[in-house]
Amino acid sequence: MENKFCWRCNGEVKMLNDEEFELCRNAWFHGKQVVDSELKKRNIENYIWLEEIETFEQYRYLLEMYQIITGEYEPNPLAIMHHQISQFGKDCPNCGKPFRTPKARYCASCGFGKENLS
């Protein structure tokens, strides 16, 4: 996990690496047992479960896992699903924001690299 700029959120967020993203995805699809397993793996004994979920209950364990990994509550499950580092490109050498996709050839923020486009 690392802090990176997110184009959709228009700000710095905690981005998940592929392994962390897979944990969140598995928690979403397979539920409490995945979260319990991760709590045990991390030796977290007194985890306080979320009392209220602002979105549909079906996302509960996705939101729980994201909170376990990042230490922050994110009420929007769709935001979590696009906070995966590998979905973005390298960081722009000019402004530091990530390219929007891994295949991007220029920075959408500052225009770095546009001069090389034909």
N, C-alpha and C. Protein backbone atom coordinates (compact mmCIF):
# COMPACT_ATOMS: atom_id res chain seq x y z
N MET A 1 0.85 -1.17 0.00
CA MET A 1 0.00 0.00 0.00
C MET A 1 0.89 1.23 0.00
N GLU A 2 0.47 2.22 -0.77
CA GLU A 2 1.16 3.50 -0.75
C GLU A 2 0.18 4.61 -1.13
N ASN A 3 0.50 5.80 -0.69
CA ASN A 3 -0.33 6.95 -1.02
C ASN A 3 0.00 7.40 -2.44
N LYS A 4 -1.05 7.55 -3.24
CA LYS A 4 -0.89 8.01 -4.62
C LYS A 4 -2.09 8.85 -4.99
N PHE A 5 -1.92 9.67 -6.00
CA PHE A 5 -3.01 10.48 -6.52
C PHE A 5 -3.96 9.58 -7.31
N CYS A 6 -5.25 9.75 -7.08
CA CYS A 6 -6.28 9.02 -7.81
C CYS A 6 -7.03 10.00 -8.69
N TRP A 7 -7.11 9.69 -9.97
CA TRP A 7 -7.79 10.56 -10.92
C TRP A 7 -9.28 10.65 -10.66
N ARG A 8 -9.90 9.55 -10.28
CA ARG A 8 -11.35 9.56 -10.06
C ARG A 8 -11.71 10.29 -8.78
N CYS A 9 -10.90 10.14 -7.75
CA CYS A 9 -11.18 10.78 -6.46
C CYS A 9 -10.62 12.20 -6.40
N ASN A 10 -9.73 12.52 -7.33
CA ASN A 10 -9.09 13.83 -7.41
C ASN A 10 -8.34 14.18 -6.13
N GLY A 11 -7.58 13.21 -5.63
CA GLY A 11 -6.79 13.46 -4.43
C GLY A 11 -5.93 12.26 -4.07
N GLU A 12 -5.11 12.43 -3.06
CA GLU A 12 -4.25 11.36 -2.56
C GLU A 12 -5.09 10.33 -1.81
N VAL A 13 -4.89 9.08 -2.13
CA VAL A 13 -5.58 7.98 -1.45
C VAL A 13 -4.58 6.86 -1.19
N LYS A 14 -4.98 5.92 -0.37
CA LYS A 14 -4.15 4.75 -0.12
C LYS A 14 -4.44 3.73 -1.22
N MET A 15 -3.44 3.51 -2.07
CA MET A 15 -3.57 2.56 -3.18
C MET A 15 -3.07 1.20 -2.72
N LEU A 16 -3.75 0.16 -3.16
CA LEU A 16 -3.42 -1.20 -2.78
C LEU A 16 -2.50 -1.86 -3.83
N ASN A 17 -1.54 -2.65 -3.34
CA ASN A 17 -0.78 -3.45 -4.29
C ASN A 17 -1.65 -4.63 -4.71
N ASP A 18 -1.17 -5.45 -5.63
CA ASP A 18 -2.00 -6.53 -6.17
C ASP A 18 -2.42 -7.54 -5.12
N GLU A 19 -1.54 -7.85 -4.19
CA GLU A 19 -1.86 -8.81 -3.13
C GLU A 19 -2.95 -8.26 -2.20
N GLU A 20 -2.82 -7.00 -1.81
CA GLU A 20 -3.81 -6.37 -0.94
C GLU A 20 -5.15 -6.23 -1.66
N PHE A 21 -5.09 -5.89 -2.94
CA PHE A 21 -6.32 -5.77 -3.73
C PHE A 21 -7.04 -7.12 -3.81
N GLU A 22 -6.28 -8.19 -3.98
CA GLU A 22 -6.87 -9.53 -4.05
C GLU A 22 -7.52 -9.91 -2.72
N LEU A 23 -6.92 -9.52 -1.60
CA LEU A 23 -7.52 -9.75 -0.30
C LEU A 23 -8.88 -9.06 -0.20
N CYS A 24 -8.95 -7.82 -0.63
CA CYS A 24 -10.22 -7.07 -0.59
C CYS A 24 -11.25 -7.73 -1.50
N ARG A 25 -10.82 -8.12 -2.67
CA ARG A 25 -11.73 -8.77 -3.62
C ARG A 25 -12.25 -10.09 -3.05
N ASN A 26 -11.35 -10.88 -2.47
CA ASN A 26 -11.76 -12.15 -1.87
C ASN A 26 -12.72 -11.94 -0.70
N ALA A 27 -12.47 -10.90 0.09
CA ALA A 27 -13.36 -10.60 1.21
C ALA A 27 -14.75 -10.25 0.69
N TRP A 28 -14.80 -9.53 -0.41
CA TRP A 28 -16.08 -9.16 -1.01
C TRP A 28 -16.84 -10.41 -1.46
N PHE A 29 -16.15 -11.31 -2.14
CA PHE A 29 -16.82 -12.48 -2.71
C PHE A 29 -17.02 -13.64 -1.73
N HIS A 30 -16.11 -13.77 -0.75
CA HIS A 30 -16.16 -14.95 0.13
C HIS A 30 -16.50 -14.62 1.58
N GLY A 31 -16.55 -13.35 1.93
CA GLY A 31 -17.08 -12.95 3.22
C GLY A 31 -16.17 -13.02 4.43
N LYS A 32 -16.82 -13.23 5.56
CA LYS A 32 -16.21 -13.10 6.88
C LYS A 32 -15.01 -14.02 7.10
N GLN A 33 -15.03 -15.22 6.55
CA GLN A 33 -13.92 -16.14 6.79
C GLN A 33 -12.60 -15.60 6.24
N VAL A 34 -12.64 -14.85 5.15
CA VAL A 34 -11.43 -14.24 4.60
C VAL A 34 -10.92 -13.16 5.54
N VAL A 35 -11.83 -12.35 6.06
CA VAL A 35 -11.45 -11.28 7.00
C VAL A 35 -10.90 -11.89 8.29
N ASP A 36 -11.59 -12.90 8.81
CA ASP A 36 -11.12 -13.57 10.03
C ASP A 36 -9.73 -14.15 9.84
N SER A 37 -9.50 -14.75 8.70
CA SER A 37 -8.20 -15.34 8.40
C SER A 37 -7.10 -14.28 8.37
N GLU A 38 -7.40 -13.13 7.78
CA GLU A 38 -6.41 -12.05 7.71
C GLU A 38 -6.16 -11.44 9.08
N LEU A 39 -7.20 -11.33 9.89
CA LEU A 39 -7.02 -10.83 11.26
C LEU A 39 -6.09 -11.76 12.04
N LYS A 40 -6.30 -13.05 11.89
CA LYS A 40 -5.45 -14.03 12.57
C LYS A 40 -4.01 -13.95 12.07
N LYS A 41 -3.84 -13.84 10.76
CA LYS A 41 -2.51 -13.75 10.15
C LYS A 41 -1.75 -12.52 10.65
N ARG A 42 -2.47 -11.42 10.87
CA ARG A 42 -1.86 -10.17 11.33
C ARG A 42 -1.82 -10.07 12.85
N ASN A 43 -2.25 -11.11 13.55
CA ASN A 43 -2.29 -11.14 15.01
C ASN A 43 -3.10 -9.98 15.60
N ILE A 44 -4.23 -9.70 14.97
CA ILE A 44 -5.14 -8.67 15.47
C ILE A 44 -6.24 -9.39 16.24
N GLU A 45 -6.24 -9.21 17.55
CA GLU A 45 -7.19 -9.94 18.39
C GLU A 45 -8.43 -9.14 18.75
N ASN A 46 -8.30 -7.85 18.92
CA ASN A 46 -9.42 -7.04 19.39
C ASN A 46 -9.92 -6.11 18.29
N TYR A 47 -10.12 -6.64 17.11
CA TYR A 47 -10.60 -5.82 16.00
C TYR A 47 -12.04 -5.39 16.27
N ILE A 48 -12.32 -4.13 16.06
CA ILE A 48 -13.66 -3.60 16.26
C ILE A 48 -14.35 -3.54 14.90
N TRP A 49 -15.35 -4.38 14.73
CA TRP A 49 -16.08 -4.46 13.47
C TRP A 49 -16.89 -3.19 13.26
N LEU A 50 -17.08 -2.84 12.01
CA LEU A 50 -17.89 -1.67 11.68
C LEU A 50 -19.31 -1.88 12.16
N GLU A 51 -19.85 -0.88 12.82
CA GLU A 51 -21.22 -1.00 13.33
C GLU A 51 -22.25 -0.76 12.24
N GLU A 52 -22.04 0.31 11.49
CA GLU A 52 -22.99 0.66 10.44
C GLU A 52 -22.26 0.72 9.12
N ILE A 53 -22.92 0.23 8.11
CA ILE A 53 -22.39 0.31 6.76
C ILE A 53 -23.27 1.30 6.01
N GLU A 54 -22.61 2.31 5.43
CA GLU A 54 -23.37 3.36 4.75
C GLU A 54 -23.86 2.91 3.37
N THR A 55 -23.31 1.83 2.86
CA THR A 55 -23.71 1.30 1.56
C THR A 55 -24.42 -0.03 1.78
N PHE A 56 -24.63 -0.76 0.75
CA PHE A 56 -25.30 -2.05 0.85
C PHE A 56 -24.49 -3.02 1.71
N GLU A 57 -25.17 -3.81 2.47
CA GLU A 57 -24.55 -4.78 3.37
C GLU A 57 -23.65 -5.77 2.61
N GLN A 58 -23.93 -6.00 1.33
CA GLN A 58 -23.16 -6.96 0.55
C GLN A 58 -21.68 -6.58 0.46
N TYR A 59 -21.35 -5.33 0.72
CA TYR A 59 -19.96 -4.87 0.65
C TYR A 59 -19.27 -4.86 2.00
N ARG A 60 -19.93 -5.30 3.05
CA ARG A 60 -19.41 -5.21 4.41
C ARG A 60 -17.97 -5.72 4.52
N TYR A 61 -17.69 -6.91 4.04
CA TYR A 61 -16.38 -7.51 4.27
C TYR A 61 -15.30 -6.91 3.37
N LEU A 62 -15.68 -6.39 2.23
CA LEU A 62 -14.76 -5.62 1.40
C LEU A 62 -14.33 -4.37 2.17
N LEU A 63 -15.28 -3.66 2.74
CA LEU A 63 -14.98 -2.45 3.50
C LEU A 63 -14.16 -2.76 4.76
N GLU A 64 -14.50 -3.87 5.41
CA GLU A 64 -13.73 -4.29 6.60
C GLU A 64 -12.27 -4.57 6.23
N MET A 65 -12.07 -5.31 5.15
CA MET A 65 -10.70 -5.68 4.75
C MET A 65 -9.90 -4.44 4.38
N TYR A 66 -10.51 -3.51 3.67
CA TYR A 66 -9.81 -2.27 3.30
C TYR A 66 -9.40 -1.51 4.56
N GLN A 67 -10.27 -1.48 5.54
CA GLN A 67 -9.95 -0.79 6.79
C GLN A 67 -8.81 -1.50 7.53
N ILE A 68 -8.80 -2.82 7.51
CA ILE A 68 -7.73 -3.58 8.16
C ILE A 68 -6.39 -3.28 7.49
N ILE A 69 -6.38 -3.24 6.17
CA ILE A 69 -5.14 -3.03 5.42
C ILE A 69 -4.64 -1.60 5.53
N THR A 70 -5.54 -0.63 5.39
CA THR A 70 -5.11 0.78 5.33
C THR A 70 -5.23 1.53 6.64
N GLY A 71 -6.09 1.04 7.54
CA GLY A 71 -6.33 1.77 8.78
C GLY A 71 -7.34 2.89 8.61
N GLU A 72 -7.95 2.98 7.41
CA GLU A 72 -8.93 4.03 7.14
C GLU A 72 -10.23 3.42 6.65
N TYR A 73 -11.33 4.04 7.03
CA TYR A 73 -12.64 3.59 6.57
C TYR A 73 -12.96 4.29 5.25
N GLU A 74 -13.31 3.51 4.26
CA GLU A 74 -13.75 4.04 2.97
C GLU A 74 -15.18 3.58 2.75
N PRO A 75 -16.16 4.50 2.75
CA PRO A 75 -17.56 4.09 2.62
C PRO A 75 -17.97 3.70 1.20
N ASN A 76 -17.15 4.01 0.22
CA ASN A 76 -17.51 3.75 -1.17
C ASN A 76 -16.78 2.51 -1.69
N PRO A 77 -17.47 1.38 -1.82
CA PRO A 77 -16.80 0.16 -2.29
C PRO A 77 -16.28 0.28 -3.71
N LEU A 78 -16.92 1.09 -4.54
CA LEU A 78 -16.45 1.25 -5.91
C LEU A 78 -15.11 1.99 -5.95
N ALA A 79 -14.88 2.88 -5.01
CA ALA A 79 -13.59 3.56 -4.92
C ALA A 79 -12.50 2.55 -4.60
N ILE A 80 -12.78 1.65 -3.69
CA ILE A 80 -11.78 0.63 -3.33
C ILE A 80 -11.42 -0.20 -4.56
N MET A 81 -12.39 -0.51 -5.38
CA MET A 81 -12.14 -1.36 -6.53
C MET A 81 -11.32 -0.67 -7.62
N HIS A 82 -11.10 0.61 -7.54
CA HIS A 82 -10.16 1.24 -8.49
C HIS A 82 -8.93 1.82 -7.79
N HIS A 83 -8.72 1.47 -6.55
CA HIS A 83 -7.51 1.91 -5.84
C HIS A 83 -6.47 0.80 -5.83
N GLN A 84 -6.14 0.34 -7.01
CA GLN A 84 -5.12 -0.69 -7.20
C GLN A 84 -3.97 -0.05 -7.98
N ILE A 85 -2.79 -0.08 -7.40
CA ILE A 85 -1.63 0.60 -8.00
C ILE A 85 -1.41 0.17 -9.44
N SER A 86 -1.55 -1.12 -9.73
CA SER A 86 -1.23 -1.61 -11.08
C SER A 86 -2.24 -1.16 -12.14
N GLN A 87 -3.36 -0.56 -11.73
CA GLN A 87 -4.31 -0.02 -12.71
C GLN A 87 -3.85 1.33 -13.25
N PHE A 88 -2.83 1.92 -12.61
CA PHE A 88 -2.30 3.21 -13.02
C PHE A 88 -0.92 3.02 -13.64
N GLY A 89 -0.45 4.05 -14.31
CA GLY A 89 0.86 4.00 -14.93
C GLY A 89 1.95 4.50 -14.00
N LYS A 90 3.13 4.65 -14.58
CA LYS A 90 4.26 5.15 -13.80
C LYS A 90 4.02 6.60 -13.39
N ASP A 91 4.76 7.06 -12.41
CA ASP A 91 4.63 8.45 -11.96
C ASP A 91 5.28 9.38 -12.99
N CYS A 92 4.63 10.50 -13.23
CA CYS A 92 5.14 11.50 -14.16
C CYS A 92 6.43 12.10 -13.60
N PRO A 93 7.49 12.15 -14.39
CA PRO A 93 8.73 12.75 -13.89
C PRO A 93 8.62 14.27 -13.71
N ASN A 94 7.60 14.88 -14.29
CA ASN A 94 7.44 16.32 -14.19
C ASN A 94 6.58 16.74 -12.99
N CYS A 95 5.38 16.16 -12.85
CA CYS A 95 4.47 16.60 -11.78
C CYS A 95 4.29 15.57 -10.67
N GLY A 96 4.70 14.33 -10.90
CA GLY A 96 4.63 13.30 -9.86
C GLY A 96 3.33 12.52 -9.80
N LYS A 97 2.30 12.95 -10.53
CA LYS A 97 1.04 12.21 -10.55
C LYS A 97 1.21 10.99 -11.45
N PRO A 98 0.52 9.91 -11.13
CA PRO A 98 0.66 8.72 -11.98
C PRO A 98 -0.04 8.93 -13.33
N PHE A 99 0.53 8.30 -14.36
CA PHE A 99 -0.15 8.28 -15.64
C PHE A 99 -1.48 7.55 -15.42
N ARG A 100 -2.50 7.86 -16.17
CA ARG A 100 -3.84 7.31 -15.92
C ARG A 100 -3.94 5.82 -16.11
N THR A 101 -3.14 5.27 -17.01
CA THR A 101 -3.14 3.82 -17.24
C THR A 101 -1.70 3.35 -17.42
N PRO A 102 -1.45 2.05 -17.29
CA PRO A 102 -0.10 1.55 -17.53
C PRO A 102 0.39 1.77 -18.96
N LYS A 103 -0.54 1.92 -19.92
CA LYS A 103 -0.15 2.12 -21.32
C LYS A 103 -0.08 3.59 -21.73
N ALA A 104 -0.43 4.49 -20.83
CA ALA A 104 -0.43 5.92 -21.16
C ALA A 104 0.98 6.36 -21.56
N ARG A 105 1.04 7.23 -22.57
CA ARG A 105 2.34 7.71 -23.06
C ARG A 105 2.62 9.16 -22.68
N TYR A 106 1.62 9.81 -22.06
CA TYR A 106 1.84 11.17 -21.59
C TYR A 106 1.00 11.41 -20.33
N CYS A 107 1.36 12.44 -19.61
CA CYS A 107 0.67 12.78 -18.36
C CYS A 107 -0.55 13.64 -18.66
N ALA A 108 -1.71 13.18 -18.23
CA ALA A 108 -2.95 13.92 -18.46
C ALA A 108 -3.02 15.19 -17.61
N SER A 109 -2.23 15.25 -16.55
CA SER A 109 -2.27 16.39 -15.66
C SER A 109 -1.45 17.57 -16.20
N CYS A 110 -0.20 17.31 -16.54
CA CYS A 110 0.68 18.41 -16.95
C CYS A 110 1.07 18.37 -18.43
N GLY A 111 0.71 17.28 -19.11
CA GLY A 111 1.02 17.18 -20.53
C GLY A 111 2.40 16.64 -20.86
N PHE A 112 3.17 16.28 -19.83
CA PHE A 112 4.52 15.75 -20.06
C PHE A 112 4.44 14.56 -21.03
N GLY A 113 5.25 14.55 -22.07
CA GLY A 113 5.31 13.46 -23.02
C GLY A 113 4.48 13.70 -24.27
N LYS A 114 3.61 14.71 -24.29
CA LYS A 114 2.79 14.97 -25.47
C LYS A 114 3.64 15.33 -26.69
N GLU A 115 4.78 15.93 -26.42
CA GLU A 115 5.65 16.34 -27.53
C GLU A 115 6.18 15.14 -28.32
N ASN A 116 6.12 13.95 -27.72
CA ASN A 116 6.61 12.75 -28.40
C ASN A 116 5.52 12.03 -29.19
N LEU A 117 4.29 12.51 -29.10
CA LEU A 117 3.18 11.87 -29.84
C LEU A 117 3.18 12.35 -31.28
N SER A 118 2.83 11.45 -32.18
CA SER A 118 2.82 11.86 -33.60
C SER A 118 1.50 12.41 -34.00
